């Protein structure tokens, strides 16, 4: 299951390009998957899911969703918050920096917290994006991006189908790619 999540998060890198392109159009805030993490917080929370644990079946089973949300994502959140709390004891100005700013400037993080924050804050942000890209699809309808994101995909890759082909090609080039099929 861990390998599945790592492959999934790597694949989502392509989606980050699309979301950040859409977010660039509105410089006052980030795209919805990142809501709130672009602001400083004394403690970041595990975001609520927009679906029940079993609602992603048959694509993701209930146990897998529970483990990744209540286990992995919760641990990333907990460890990130603990590192931020510890860092703030040494440097009060950290409370004025968002987790997104910290990750964008990870080289400026003191070495004692750098690896912990890279891994756990990165896992926290990636999981926020991951959950926001999932929704129930019991009818197995084909979904095509629309609006600004859809327009950006067509502009960059020519069509949604071309984007999907490249996405699949990239996913299949990764170790453990059988999970992306």
C-alpha atoms as a PDB file:
ATOM      1  CA  UNK A   1       0.000   0.000   0.000  1.00  0.00           C
ATOM      2  CA  UNK A   2       2.877   2.380   0.775  1.00  0.00           C
ATOM      3  CA  UNK A   3       4.234   1.844  -2.737  1.00  0.00           C
ATOM      4  CA  UNK A   4       0.785   2.619  -4.158  1.00  0.00           C
ATOM      5  CA  UNK A   5       0.691   5.937  -2.312  1.00  0.00           C
ATOM      6  CA  UNK A   6       4.228   6.874  -3.341  1.00  0.00           C
ATOM      7  CA  UNK A   7       3.464   6.111  -6.998  1.00  0.00           C
ATOM      8  CA  UNK A   8       0.195   8.048  -6.725  1.00  0.00           C
ATOM      9  CA  UNK A   9       1.911  11.076  -5.222  1.00  0.00           C
ATOM     10  CA  UNK A  10       4.597  11.005  -7.917  1.00  0.00           C
ATOM     11  CA  UNK A  11       1.933  10.847 -10.613  1.00  0.00           C
ATOM     12  CA  UNK A  12       0.160  13.826  -9.062  1.00  0.00           C
ATOM     13  CA  UNK A  13       3.197  15.958  -9.885  1.00  0.00           C
ATOM     14  CA  UNK A  14       1.688  16.401 -13.347  1.00  0.00           C
ATOM     15  CA  UNK A  15      -1.546  17.608 -11.767  1.00  0.00           C
ATOM     16  CA  UNK A  16       0.335  20.129  -9.632  1.00  0.00           C
ATOM     17  CA  UNK A  17       1.414  21.860 -12.835  1.00  0.00           C
ATOM     18  CA  UNK A  18      -2.212  22.182 -13.847  1.00  0.00           C
ATOM     19  CA  UNK A  19      -3.412  23.372 -10.416  1.00  0.00           C
ATOM     20  CA  UNK A  20      -0.607  25.894  -9.981  1.00  0.00           C
ATOM     21  CA  UNK A  21      -1.282  27.240 -13.473  1.00  0.00           C
ATOM     22  CA  UNK A  22      -4.918  27.735 -12.507  1.00  0.00           C
ATOM     23  CA  UNK A  23      -3.889  29.308  -9.191  1.00  0.00           C
ATOM     24  CA  UNK A  24      -1.586  31.754 -10.968  1.00  0.00           C
ATOM     25  CA  UNK A  25      -4.646  33.391 -12.503  1.00  0.00           C
ATOM     26  CA  UNK A  26      -5.739  34.398  -8.987  1.00  0.00           C
ATOM     27  CA  UNK A  27      -2.694  35.636  -7.090  1.00  0.00           C
ATOM     28  CA  UNK A  28      -4.661  36.302  -3.883  1.00  0.00           C
ATOM     29  CA  UNK A  29      -5.147  32.628  -3.093  1.00  0.00           C
ATOM     30  CA  UNK A  30      -4.149  29.149  -4.093  1.00  0.00           C
ATOM     31  CA  UNK A  31      -6.349  26.639  -5.895  1.00  0.00           C
ATOM     32  CA  UNK A  32      -8.976  24.829  -3.767  1.00  0.00           C
ATOM     33  CA  UNK A  33      -6.910  21.720  -2.887  1.00  0.00           C
ATOM     34  CA  UNK A  34      -4.527  24.002  -1.040  1.00  0.00           C
ATOM     35  CA  UNK A  35      -7.129  26.098   0.762  1.00  0.00           C
ATOM     36  CA  UNK A  36      -5.755  27.253   4.115  1.00  0.00           C
ATOM     37  CA  UNK A  37      -2.225  25.916   3.816  1.00  0.00           C
ATOM     38  CA  UNK A  38      -1.089  29.090   2.097  1.00  0.00           C
ATOM     39  CA  UNK A  39      -1.647  30.882   5.423  1.00  0.00           C
ATOM     40  CA  UNK A  40       0.395  30.657   8.602  1.00  0.00           C
ATOM     41  CA  UNK A  41      -1.120  28.392  11.244  1.00  0.00           C
ATOM     42  CA  UNK A  42      -0.026  27.374  14.718  1.00  0.00           C
ATOM     43  CA  UNK A  43      -1.402  23.914  14.009  1.00  0.00           C
ATOM     44  CA  UNK A  44      -2.498  22.474  10.693  1.00  0.00           C
ATOM     45  CA  UNK A  45      -5.426  20.071  10.752  1.00  0.00           C
ATOM     46  CA  UNK A  46      -6.153  16.894   8.901  1.00  0.00           C
ATOM     47  CA  UNK A  47      -8.639  18.165   6.291  1.00  0.00           C
ATOM     48  CA  UNK A  48     -12.071  16.556   6.168  1.00  0.00           C
ATOM     49  CA  UNK A  49     -12.693  14.233   3.243  1.00  0.00           C
ATOM     50  CA  UNK A  50     -15.452  15.023   0.765  1.00  0.00           C
ATOM     51  CA  UNK A  51     -16.478  11.353   0.725  1.00  0.00           C
ATOM     52  CA  UNK A  52     -16.871   8.386   3.056  1.00  0.00           C
ATOM     53  CA  UNK A  53     -14.114   5.796   3.364  1.00  0.00           C
ATOM     54  CA  UNK A  54     -16.048   3.217   1.330  1.00  0.00           C
ATOM     55  CA  UNK A  55     -17.309   5.600  -1.374  1.00  0.00           C
ATOM     56  CA  UNK A  56     -14.255   5.168  -3.625  1.00  0.00           C
ATOM     57  CA  UNK A  57     -14.862   1.456  -4.128  1.00  0.00           C
ATOM     58  CA  UNK A  58     -14.239  -0.436  -6.347  1.00  0.00           C
ATOM     59  CA  UNK A  59     -11.231   1.763  -7.237  1.00  0.00           C
ATOM     60  CA  UNK A  60      -9.899   2.136  -3.675  1.00  0.00           C
ATOM     61  CA  UNK A  61     -11.221  -0.121  -0.952  1.00  0.00           C
ATOM     62  CA  UNK A  62     -12.401   1.202   2.407  1.00  0.00           C
ATOM     63  CA  UNK A  63      -9.465  -0.260   4.349  1.00  0.00           C
ATOM     64  CA  UNK A  64      -6.903   1.379   2.053  1.00  0.00           C
ATOM     65  CA  UNK A  65      -8.585   4.788   2.326  1.00  0.00           C
ATOM     66  CA  UNK A  66      -8.787   4.489   6.134  1.00  0.00           C
ATOM     67  CA  UNK A  67      -5.131   3.483   6.452  1.00  0.00           C
ATOM     68  CA  UNK A  68      -3.917   6.292   4.227  1.00  0.00           C
ATOM     69  CA  UNK A  69      -6.112   8.975   5.756  1.00  0.00           C
ATOM     70  CA  UNK A  70      -6.165   8.039   9.449  1.00  0.00           C
ATOM     71  CA  UNK A  71      -2.693   6.500   9.357  1.00  0.00           C
ATOM     72  CA  UNK A  72      -0.285   8.046   6.864  1.00  0.00           C
ATOM     73  CA  UNK A  73      -1.856  11.481   6.387  1.00  0.00           C
ATOM     74  CA  UNK A  74      -2.612  11.865  10.097  1.00  0.00           C
ATOM     75  CA  UNK A  75       0.993  10.950  10.984  1.00  0.00           C
ATOM     76  CA  UNK A  76       2.420  13.396   8.444  1.00  0.00           C
ATOM     77  CA  UNK A  77       0.206  16.099   9.961  1.00  0.00           C
ATOM     78  CA  UNK A  78       1.175  15.198  13.524  1.00  0.00           C
ATOM     79  CA  UNK A  79       4.927  15.061  12.840  1.00  0.00           C
ATOM     80  CA  UNK A  80       4.835  18.281  10.783  1.00  0.00           C
ATOM     81  CA  UNK A  81       3.003  20.129  13.568  1.00  0.00           C
ATOM     82  CA  UNK A  82       5.454  18.793  16.188  1.00  0.00           C
ATOM     83  CA  UNK A  83       8.460  19.974  14.146  1.00  0.00           C
ATOM     84  CA  UNK A  84       6.885  23.395  13.585  1.00  0.00           C
ATOM     85  CA  UNK A  85       6.099  23.719  17.302  1.00  0.00           C
ATOM     86  CA  UNK A  86       9.692  22.804  18.204  1.00  0.00           C
ATOM     87  CA  UNK A  87      11.119  25.226  15.633  1.00  0.00           C
ATOM     88  CA  UNK A  88       8.878  28.034  16.944  1.00  0.00           C
ATOM     89  CA  UNK A  89      10.387  27.592  20.415  1.00  0.00           C
ATOM     90  CA  UNK A  90      13.725  28.652  18.892  1.00  0.00           C
ATOM     91  CA  UNK A  91      12.404  31.180  16.382  1.00  0.00           C
ATOM     92  CA  UNK A  92       9.073  32.949  16.976  1.00  0.00           C
ATOM     93  CA  UNK A  93       9.003  34.371  13.425  1.00  0.00           C
ATOM     94  CA  UNK A  94       8.233  30.880  12.082  1.00  0.00           C
ATOM     95  CA  UNK A  95       4.633  31.358  13.248  1.00  0.00           C
ATOM     96  CA  UNK A  96       4.270  33.975  10.483  1.00  0.00           C
ATOM     97  CA  UNK A  97       5.277  31.593   7.673  1.00  0.00           C
ATOM     98  CA  UNK A  98       2.834  29.255   5.921  1.00  0.00           C
ATOM     99  CA  UNK A  99       3.676  25.625   5.302  1.00  0.00           C
ATOM    100  CA  UNK A 100       3.658  26.357   1.566  1.00  0.00           C
ATOM    101  CA  UNK A 101       6.268  29.113   2.048  1.00  0.00           C
ATOM    102  CA  UNK A 102       8.362  26.777   4.181  1.00  0.00           C
ATOM    103  CA  UNK A 103       8.300  24.064   1.516  1.00  0.00           C
ATOM    104  CA  UNK A 104       9.040  26.538  -1.272  1.00  0.00           C
ATOM    105  CA  UNK A 105      12.098  27.673   0.711  1.00  0.00           C
ATOM    106  CA  UNK A 106      13.120  24.371   2.288  1.00  0.00           C
ATOM    107  CA  UNK A 107      16.817  25.238   1.853  1.00  0.00           C
ATOM    108  CA  UNK A 108      16.341  28.038   4.425  1.00  0.00           C
ATOM    109  CA  UNK A 109      14.995  25.644   7.084  1.00  0.00           C
ATOM    110  CA  UNK A 110      17.578  24.895   9.793  1.00  0.00           C
ATOM    111  CA  UNK A 111      19.078  21.437   9.334  1.00  0.00           C
ATOM    112  CA  UNK A 112      17.628  20.094  12.588  1.00  0.00           C
ATOM    113  CA  UNK A 113      14.081  20.382  11.122  1.00  0.00           C
ATOM    114  CA  UNK A 114      14.744  20.321   7.369  1.00  0.00           C
ATOM    115  CA  UNK A 115      14.389  16.576   6.685  1.00  0.00           C
ATOM    116  CA  UNK A 116      11.413  16.193   9.032  1.00  0.00           C
ATOM    117  CA  UNK A 117       9.590  19.092   7.396  1.00  0.00           C
ATOM    118  CA  UNK A 118      10.527  18.085   3.851  1.00  0.00           C
ATOM    119  CA  UNK A 119       9.143  14.595   4.434  1.00  0.00           C
ATOM    120  CA  UNK A 120       6.166  15.345   6.661  1.00  0.00           C
ATOM    121  CA  UNK A 121       5.057  18.762   5.418  1.00  0.00           C
ATOM    122  CA  UNK A 122       5.559  17.456   1.897  1.00  0.00           C
ATOM    123  CA  UNK A 123       3.459  14.400   2.756  1.00  0.00           C
ATOM    124  CA  UNK A 124       0.800  16.626   4.324  1.00  0.00           C
ATOM    125  CA  UNK A 125       0.550  18.889   1.268  1.00  0.00           C
ATOM    126  CA  UNK A 126       0.703  15.992  -1.208  1.00  0.00           C
ATOM    127  CA  UNK A 127      -2.055  14.142   0.637  1.00  0.00           C
ATOM    128  CA  UNK A 128      -4.229  17.273   0.662  1.00  0.00           C
ATOM    129  CA  UNK A 129      -3.863  17.364  -3.106  1.00  0.00           C
ATOM    130  CA  UNK A 130      -4.344  13.599  -3.393  1.00  0.00           C
ATOM    131  CA  UNK A 131      -7.649  13.561  -1.492  1.00  0.00           C
ATOM    132  CA  UNK A 132      -8.934  16.598  -3.363  1.00  0.00           C
ATOM    133  CA  UNK A 133      -8.517  14.818  -6.709  1.00  0.00           C
ATOM    134  CA  UNK A 134     -10.648  11.847  -5.650  1.00  0.00           C
ATOM    135  CA  UNK A 135     -14.405  11.505  -5.656  1.00  0.00           C
ATOM    136  CA  UNK A 136     -16.900   8.673  -5.932  1.00  0.00           C
ATOM    137  CA  UNK A 137     -17.650   7.485  -9.464  1.00  0.00           C
ATOM    138  CA  UNK A 138     -19.947   4.509  -9.036  1.00  0.00           C
ATOM    139  CA  UNK A 139     -21.289   4.827 -12.583  1.00  0.00           C
ATOM    140  CA  UNK A 140     -17.712   4.817 -13.937  1.00  0.00           C
ATOM    141  CA  UNK A 141     -18.397   7.848 -16.095  1.00  0.00           C
ATOM    142  CA  UNK A 142     -15.449   9.208 -18.060  1.00  0.00           C
ATOM    143  CA  UNK A 143     -14.384  12.489 -16.543  1.00  0.00           C
ATOM    144  CA  UNK A 144     -12.761  15.303 -18.447  1.00  0.00           C
ATOM    145  CA  UNK A 145     -11.279  18.405 -16.846  1.00  0.00           C
ATOM    146  CA  UNK A 146     -13.276  21.558 -17.497  1.00  0.00           C
ATOM    147  CA  UNK A 147     -13.080  25.274 -16.832  1.00  0.00           C
ATOM    148  CA  UNK A 148      -9.671  26.912 -16.398  1.00  0.00           C
ATOM    149  CA  UNK A 149      -7.940  23.598 -15.681  1.00  0.00           C
ATOM    150  CA  UNK A 150      -9.471  22.001 -18.775  1.00  0.00           C
ATOM    151  CA  UNK A 151      -8.537  25.012 -20.893  1.00  0.00           C
ATOM    152  CA  UNK A 152      -4.954  24.920 -19.564  1.00  0.00           C
ATOM    153  CA  UNK A 153      -4.662  21.207 -20.351  1.00  0.00           C
ATOM    154  CA  UNK A 154      -5.838  21.743 -23.931  1.00  0.00           C
ATOM    155  CA  UNK A 155      -3.522  24.739 -24.348  1.00  0.00           C
ATOM    156  CA  UNK A 156      -0.459  22.857 -23.048  1.00  0.00           C
ATOM    157  CA  UNK A 157      -1.088  19.337 -24.421  1.00  0.00           C
ATOM    158  CA  UNK A 158      -3.505  19.908 -27.306  1.00  0.00           C
ATOM    159  CA  UNK A 159      -6.343  17.810 -25.881  1.00  0.00           C
ATOM    160  CA  UNK A 160      -7.431  16.057 -22.732  1.00  0.00           C
ATOM    161  CA  UNK A 161      -6.773  12.732 -24.473  1.00  0.00           C
ATOM    162  CA  UNK A 162      -3.147  13.761 -25.217  1.00  0.00           C
ATOM    163  CA  UNK A 163      -2.712  14.803 -21.561  1.00  0.00           C
ATOM    164  CA  UNK A 164      -4.166  11.483 -20.425  1.00  0.00           C
ATOM    165  CA  UNK A 165      -1.808   9.560 -22.746  1.00  0.00           C
ATOM    166  CA  UNK A 166       1.235  11.455 -21.437  1.00  0.00           C
ATOM    167  CA  UNK A 167       0.024  11.041 -17.854  1.00  0.00           C
ATOM    168  CA  UNK A 168      -0.325   7.251 -18.373  1.00  0.00           C
ATOM    169  CA  UNK A 169       3.064   7.067 -20.093  1.00  0.00           C
ATOM    170  CA  UNK A 170       4.732   8.900 -17.193  1.00  0.00           C
ATOM    171  CA  UNK A 171       2.910   6.763 -14.634  1.00  0.00           C
ATOM    172  CA  UNK A 172       3.873   3.548 -16.390  1.00  0.00           C
ATOM    173  CA  UNK A 173       7.544   4.590 -16.442  1.00  0.00           C
ATOM    174  CA  UNK A 174       7.617   4.586 -12.634  1.00  0.00           C
ATOM    175  CA  UNK A 175       8.622   1.676 -10.462  1.00  0.00           C
ATOM    176  CA  UNK A 176       5.464  -0.116  -9.371  1.00  0.00           C
ATOM    177  CA  UNK A 177       3.601   1.296 -12.352  1.00  0.00           C
ATOM    178  CA  UNK A 178       1.191  -1.634 -12.416  1.00  0.00           C
ATOM    179  CA  UNK A 179      -0.666   0.283  -9.738  1.00  0.00           C
ATOM    180  CA  UNK A 180      -1.316   3.175 -12.125  1.00  0.00           C
ATOM    181  CA  UNK A 181      -3.004   1.110 -14.829  1.00  0.00           C
END
